[in-house]
Amino acid sequence: MDRAQLADFLRSRRARLQPADVGLAAGARRRTPGLRREEIARLAGMSADYYVRLEQARGPHPSVQMLGALARALRLTDDERDHLYLLAGERPPVPAGRSHHVRPGLLYVLDQLTDAAATIVSDIGETLAQNGLARALLGTKEGRTGREASLIWQWFAEPDARAVYPVEDRERHSRVLVADLRATAGRRGADADVAGLIEGLLAASEEFAGLWARHEVAVRRADTKRIVHPEVGVVDVDCEVLLTPEHDQSLILLTPRAGTDAAEKLQLLRVIGDQDLARPEPRLSR
């Protein structure tokens, strides 16, 4: 691991980004070009102190998952992502097969959607990126690894994950998740991550096992949802799912449902989220 070169590379990539590039308000005038370190840390789902130490060439060896999160936060191209991995002493992801790297263009679209909660997920439900409104509405879902990173795993194996939906909507949501996972398994069920997730869910959840036995198959493309938020209450949204050509990643858009007060509630959450991101960066010794 080349700590000095890694630190220089991170600083240079951060300096070229402007708040608008990642969907943030410009806020007060900035003393130096680029995003603040705490903003990159939040986008990557890591602590500000951890990221600062990487930029100061005194951080620990980042994991492969952390490198992927940094590549997305810094909006790196495929070549830049591979360079990041090499500087950290890791082998870049193999081009063939499923990738967790999200193209900068798709991330740009995500960041410009300030009036919609937008999330990019893998085909087994791993959250790869969220915009600010999605974090404000659903909480931060990035940064987890292994099968626990899958929203499907969380839904069936972690009871607290269901608090985001009204009780009467949960049975339907379970069926939607299982039917979509069945479609994924049909495309690439021999892959270890898909097979491992299904095997784990069959062992962990009787509900999942029962739904899996039904063999219902349906790729999730559009839906309506009611999201329960602790501050603003129930938010009625339309859900649109935009698939990449390979069907390995999806851009999920949650927009206010017509005839409800969802637009006002989402606007309030967006303001709250912008205020949180605009907090000044803490002073750290160098």
Protein backbone atom coordinates (compact mmCIF):
# COMPACT_ATOMS: atom_id res chain seq x y z
CA MET A 1 0.00 0.00 0.00
CA ASP A 2 1.42 3.35 -1.08
CA ARG A 3 0.00 5.63 1.60
CA ALA A 4 1.55 8.83 0.27
CA GLN A 5 0.32 8.34 -3.30
CA LEU A 6 -3.08 7.19 -2.05
CA ALA A 7 -3.38 10.33 0.07
CA ASP A 8 -2.43 12.57 -2.86
CA PHE A 9 -4.87 10.83 -5.16
CA LEU A 10 -7.75 11.16 -2.69
CA ARG A 11 -7.05 14.85 -2.15
CA SER A 12 -6.86 15.55 -5.89
CA ARG A 13 -10.11 13.72 -6.64
CA ARG A 14 -11.89 15.49 -3.78
CA ALA A 15 -10.63 18.90 -4.92
CA ARG A 16 -12.16 18.54 -8.38
CA LEU A 17 -15.68 17.93 -7.05
CA GLN A 18 -18.15 20.73 -6.44
CA PRO A 19 -21.22 20.43 -4.18
CA ALA A 20 -23.54 20.44 -7.20
CA ASP A 21 -21.69 17.43 -8.62
CA VAL A 22 -22.96 15.29 -5.74
CA GLY A 23 -26.32 16.95 -5.18
CA LEU A 24 -25.31 19.21 -2.26
CA ALA A 25 -26.18 22.86 -1.74
CA ALA A 26 -23.20 25.17 -2.14
CA GLY A 27 -23.81 26.85 1.21
CA ALA A 28 -21.35 29.39 2.59
CA ARG A 29 -18.27 30.34 0.59
CA ARG A 30 -15.57 27.69 0.82
CA ARG A 31 -11.98 28.53 1.67
CA THR A 32 -10.55 25.79 -0.54
CA PRO A 33 -11.74 24.15 -3.79
CA GLY A 34 -13.68 20.91 -3.77
CA LEU A 35 -15.79 19.11 -1.24
CA ARG A 36 -15.05 19.04 2.45
CA ARG A 37 -13.52 15.90 3.86
CA GLU A 38 -16.55 15.27 6.06
CA GLU A 39 -18.80 15.40 2.97
CA ILE A 40 -16.77 12.70 1.21
CA ALA A 41 -16.77 10.64 4.40
CA ARG A 42 -20.53 10.85 4.67
CA LEU A 43 -21.03 9.98 1.00
CA ALA A 44 -18.79 6.94 1.51
CA GLY A 45 -20.46 5.89 4.76
CA MET A 46 -17.35 6.21 6.92
CA SER A 47 -16.28 8.42 9.81
CA ALA A 48 -14.70 11.78 9.02
CA ASP A 49 -11.70 10.87 11.19
CA TYR A 50 -11.08 7.68 9.18
CA TYR A 51 -11.14 9.59 5.89
CA VAL A 52 -8.92 12.38 7.23
CA ARG A 53 -6.30 9.85 8.26
CA LEU A 54 -6.30 8.37 4.75
CA GLU A 55 -5.69 11.82 3.26
CA GLN A 56 -2.89 12.39 5.77
CA ALA A 57 -1.15 9.13 4.77
CA ARG A 58 -1.54 7.69 8.24
CA GLY A 59 -4.71 5.65 7.90
CA PRO A 60 -5.16 1.88 8.14
CA HIS A 61 -5.34 -0.36 5.11
CA PRO A 62 -8.85 0.19 3.67
CA SER A 63 -10.94 -2.87 2.92
CA VAL A 64 -12.12 -3.72 -0.58
CA GLN A 65 -15.63 -2.64 0.45
CA MET A 66 -14.30 0.69 1.71
CA LEU A 67 -12.40 1.27 -1.53
CA GLY A 68 -15.58 0.67 -3.49
CA ALA A 69 -17.43 3.18 -1.29
CA LEU A 70 -14.66 5.75 -1.80
CA ALA A 71 -14.74 5.23 -5.57
CA ARG A 72 -18.46 5.97 -5.61
CA ALA A 73 -18.20 8.95 -3.25
CA LEU A 74 -15.42 10.50 -5.36
CA ARG A 75 -17.26 9.76 -8.63
CA LEU A 76 -14.31 7.85 -10.08
CA THR A 77 -14.27 6.42 -13.57
CA ASP A 78 -13.50 2.72 -14.00
CA ASP A 79 -9.83 3.50 -14.69
CA GLU A 80 -9.58 5.81 -11.66
CA ARG A 81 -11.27 3.18 -9.50
CA ASP A 82 -8.74 0.57 -10.59
CA HIS A 83 -5.90 3.00 -9.81
CA LEU A 84 -7.34 3.55 -6.34
CA TYR A 85 -7.36 -0.19 -5.68
CA LEU A 86 -3.77 -0.56 -6.86
CA LEU A 87 -2.55 2.30 -4.67
CA ALA A 88 -4.16 0.55 -1.72
CA GLY A 89 -2.43 -2.71 -2.62
CA GLU A 90 -5.59 -4.47 -3.78
CA ARG A 91 -6.45 -6.17 -7.05
CA PRO A 92 -9.01 -4.13 -9.03
CA PRO A 93 -12.43 -5.73 -9.54
CA VAL A 94 -12.58 -8.19 -12.42
CA PRO A 95 -14.45 -6.56 -15.34
CA ALA A 96 -16.48 -9.66 -16.13
CA GLY A 97 -19.49 -10.48 -14.00
CA ARG A 98 -21.33 -8.41 -11.41
CA SER A 99 -19.79 -5.12 -10.32
CA HIS A 100 -20.53 -2.89 -7.34
CA HIS A 101 -19.00 0.09 -9.09
CA VAL A 102 -21.57 2.66 -10.17
CA ARG A 103 -20.74 4.68 -13.27
CA PRO A 104 -20.15 8.42 -12.63
CA GLY A 105 -22.90 9.33 -15.09
CA LEU A 106 -25.48 7.32 -13.15
CA LEU A 107 -24.26 8.84 -9.89
CA TYR A 108 -24.61 12.30 -11.44
CA VAL A 109 -28.24 11.57 -12.29
CA LEU A 110 -28.76 10.34 -8.73
CA ASP A 111 -27.34 13.52 -7.24
CA GLN A 112 -29.43 15.87 -9.39
CA LEU A 113 -32.69 14.31 -8.19
CA THR A 114 -33.18 16.69 -5.28
CA ASP A 115 -36.98 16.40 -5.20
CA ALA A 116 -37.03 12.59 -5.30
CA ALA A 117 -35.52 10.05 -2.94
CA ALA A 118 -33.15 8.05 -5.13
CA THR A 119 -31.15 4.92 -4.39
CA ILE A 120 -28.94 2.67 -6.51
CA VAL A 121 -29.08 -0.99 -5.48
CA SER A 122 -27.60 -4.24 -6.75
CA ASP A 123 -29.80 -7.06 -7.99
CA ILE A 124 -29.66 -8.71 -4.55
CA GLY A 125 -30.67 -5.55 -2.75
CA GLU A 126 -27.31 -4.12 -1.68
CA THR A 127 -27.45 -0.35 -1.35
CA LEU A 128 -24.66 1.08 -3.50
CA ALA A 129 -25.50 4.80 -3.31
CA GLN A 130 -28.19 7.12 -1.98
CA ASN A 131 -28.94 10.77 -2.51
CA GLY A 132 -29.52 13.08 0.44
CA LEU A 133 -33.30 12.81 0.37
CA ALA A 134 -33.15 9.00 0.38
CA ARG A 135 -30.95 9.11 3.48
CA ALA A 136 -33.33 11.57 5.15
CA LEU A 137 -36.38 9.42 4.32
CA LEU A 138 -35.03 5.89 4.79
CA GLY A 139 -31.86 6.34 6.84
CA THR A 140 -28.32 5.65 5.67
CA LYS A 141 -28.16 2.17 4.14
CA GLU A 142 -24.67 2.32 2.62
CA GLY A 143 -21.53 0.87 4.15
CA ARG A 144 -22.61 -2.62 5.22
CA THR A 145 -20.85 -5.67 3.80
CA GLY A 146 -21.63 -9.33 3.18
CA ARG A 147 -25.17 -10.63 3.01
CA GLU A 148 -26.16 -8.20 5.80
CA ALA A 149 -25.79 -5.43 3.19
CA SER A 150 -28.80 -6.81 1.31
CA LEU A 151 -32.10 -5.09 1.99
CA ILE A 152 -33.74 -8.46 1.41
CA TRP A 153 -31.68 -10.04 4.18
CA GLN A 154 -32.42 -7.14 6.49
CA TRP A 155 -36.16 -7.41 5.81
CA PHE A 156 -36.42 -11.10 6.70
CA ALA A 157 -33.64 -11.48 9.27
CA GLU A 158 -33.62 -8.14 11.11
CA PRO A 159 -37.06 -7.24 12.55
CA ASP A 160 -36.25 -3.54 12.98
CA ALA A 161 -35.93 -3.15 9.21
CA ARG A 162 -39.71 -3.44 8.89
CA ALA A 163 -40.44 -0.32 10.90
CA VAL A 164 -40.26 1.74 7.71
CA TYR A 165 -43.53 0.22 6.42
CA PRO A 166 -47.01 0.15 8.00
CA VAL A 167 -47.90 -3.25 9.44
CA GLU A 168 -50.68 -3.83 6.92
CA ASP A 169 -48.29 -3.31 3.98
CA ARG A 170 -45.55 -5.69 5.09
CA GLU A 171 -46.94 -8.97 3.75
CA ARG A 172 -47.19 -7.54 0.24
CA HIS A 173 -43.68 -6.10 0.45
CA SER A 174 -42.33 -9.51 1.47
CA ARG A 175 -43.86 -11.10 -1.63
CA VAL A 176 -42.44 -8.39 -3.91
CA LEU A 177 -38.92 -8.89 -2.52
CA VAL A 178 -39.02 -12.67 -2.86
CA ALA A 179 -40.46 -12.60 -6.39
CA ASP A 180 -37.73 -10.19 -7.49
CA LEU A 181 -35.00 -12.31 -5.88
CA ARG A 182 -36.41 -15.36 -7.69
CA ALA A 183 -35.96 -13.48 -10.99
CA THR A 184 -32.36 -12.66 -10.05
CA ALA A 185 -31.71 -16.29 -9.15
CA GLY A 186 -32.99 -17.32 -12.56
CA ARG A 187 -30.47 -15.03 -14.24
CA ARG A 188 -27.43 -15.93 -12.13
CA GLY A 189 -28.44 -18.35 -9.40
CA ALA A 190 -25.14 -20.25 -9.65
CA ASP A 191 -23.23 -17.17 -8.42
CA ALA A 192 -22.01 -17.58 -4.87
CA ASP A 193 -23.48 -14.35 -3.53
CA VAL A 194 -26.97 -15.15 -4.81
CA ALA A 195 -26.88 -18.79 -3.68
CA GLY A 196 -25.43 -17.81 -0.30
CA LEU A 197 -28.10 -15.18 0.29
CA ILE A 198 -30.92 -17.58 -0.55
CA GLU A 199 -29.43 -20.38 1.57
CA GLY A 200 -29.04 -18.02 4.51
CA LEU A 201 -32.57 -16.69 4.20
CA LEU A 202 -34.07 -20.19 4.01
CA ALA A 203 -32.34 -21.02 7.29
CA ALA A 204 -33.12 -17.70 9.00
CA SER A 205 -36.74 -17.05 8.08
CA GLU A 206 -39.76 -19.36 7.93
CA GLU A 207 -41.68 -16.60 6.19
CA PHE A 208 -39.06 -16.40 3.44
CA ALA A 209 -39.00 -20.20 3.08
CA GLY A 210 -42.76 -20.28 2.64
CA LEU A 211 -42.77 -17.51 0.05
CA TRP A 212 -39.80 -19.02 -1.78
CA ALA A 213 -41.69 -22.30 -2.14
CA ARG A 214 -44.43 -20.50 -4.08
CA HIS A 215 -42.04 -19.86 -7.03
CA GLU A 216 -43.53 -16.43 -7.71
CA VAL A 217 -41.36 -14.49 -10.18
CA ALA A 218 -41.63 -10.77 -10.95
CA VAL A 219 -38.93 -8.21 -11.68
CA ARG A 220 -39.67 -5.11 -9.62
CA ARG A 221 -40.28 -2.17 -11.97
CA ALA A 222 -42.96 0.12 -10.51
CA ASP A 223 -44.96 0.24 -7.31
CA THR A 224 -46.60 2.49 -4.73
CA LYS A 225 -45.37 2.63 -1.15
CA ARG A 226 -46.16 4.16 2.20
CA ILE A 227 -43.03 5.03 4.15
CA VAL A 228 -43.23 5.59 7.91
CA HIS A 229 -40.87 8.34 9.05
CA PRO A 230 -40.41 9.10 12.78
CA GLU A 231 -40.61 12.88 12.28
CA VAL A 232 -43.09 13.52 9.47
CA GLY A 233 -45.27 10.41 9.68
CA VAL A 234 -46.50 8.37 6.72
CA VAL A 235 -45.21 9.48 3.32
CA ASP A 236 -47.10 8.21 0.24
CA VAL A 237 -44.76 7.72 -2.71
CA ASP A 238 -44.69 6.26 -6.19
CA CYS A 239 -41.78 3.91 -6.78
CA GLU A 240 -40.15 3.70 -10.19
CA VAL A 241 -37.35 1.19 -10.81
CA LEU A 242 -34.95 1.87 -13.69
CA LEU A 243 -32.75 -1.10 -14.58
CA THR A 244 -29.30 -1.02 -16.14
CA PRO A 245 -29.00 -3.00 -19.40
CA GLU A 246 -27.30 -5.85 -17.52
CA HIS A 247 -30.05 -5.86 -14.86
CA ASP A 248 -27.35 -5.99 -12.19
CA GLN A 249 -28.11 -2.52 -10.76
CA SER A 250 -31.27 -0.46 -10.38
CA LEU A 251 -31.99 3.20 -9.84
CA ILE A 252 -35.01 3.37 -7.53
CA LEU A 253 -36.94 6.65 -7.47
CA LEU A 254 -39.44 7.51 -4.75
CA THR A 255 -41.57 10.49 -5.81
CA PRO A 256 -44.53 12.12 -4.01
CA ARG A 257 -47.83 10.51 -4.83
CA ALA A 258 -50.41 12.86 -6.35
CA GLY A 259 -53.28 13.84 -4.08
CA THR A 260 -51.29 13.39 -0.85
CA ASP A 261 -49.17 15.66 1.33
CA ALA A 262 -46.02 13.72 0.43
CA ALA A 263 -44.45 16.59 -1.54
CA GLU A 264 -44.53 18.88 1.50
CA LYS A 265 -43.13 16.15 3.75
CA LEU A 266 -40.32 15.33 1.34
CA GLN A 267 -39.46 19.01 1.03
CA LEU A 268 -39.22 19.26 4.82
CA LEU A 269 -36.95 16.22 4.95
CA ARG A 270 -34.76 17.63 2.16
CA VAL A 271 -34.29 20.87 4.10
CA ILE A 272 -33.41 18.93 7.24
CA GLY A 273 -30.90 16.84 5.30
CA ASP A 274 -29.29 19.92 3.69
CA GLN A 275 -28.91 21.57 7.08
CA ASP A 276 -27.22 18.46 8.46
CA LEU A 277 -24.71 18.33 5.60
CA ALA A 278 -23.99 22.04 5.90
CA ARG A 279 -22.58 21.74 9.41
CA PRO A 280 -18.98 23.03 9.53
CA GLU A 281 -16.17 20.51 9.40
CA PRO A 282 -14.55 19.93 12.80
CA ARG A 283 -10.99 21.14 13.20
CA LEU A 284 -8.51 18.30 13.27
CA SER A 285 -4.82 18.45 14.03
CA ARG A 286 -2.51 17.74 11.12
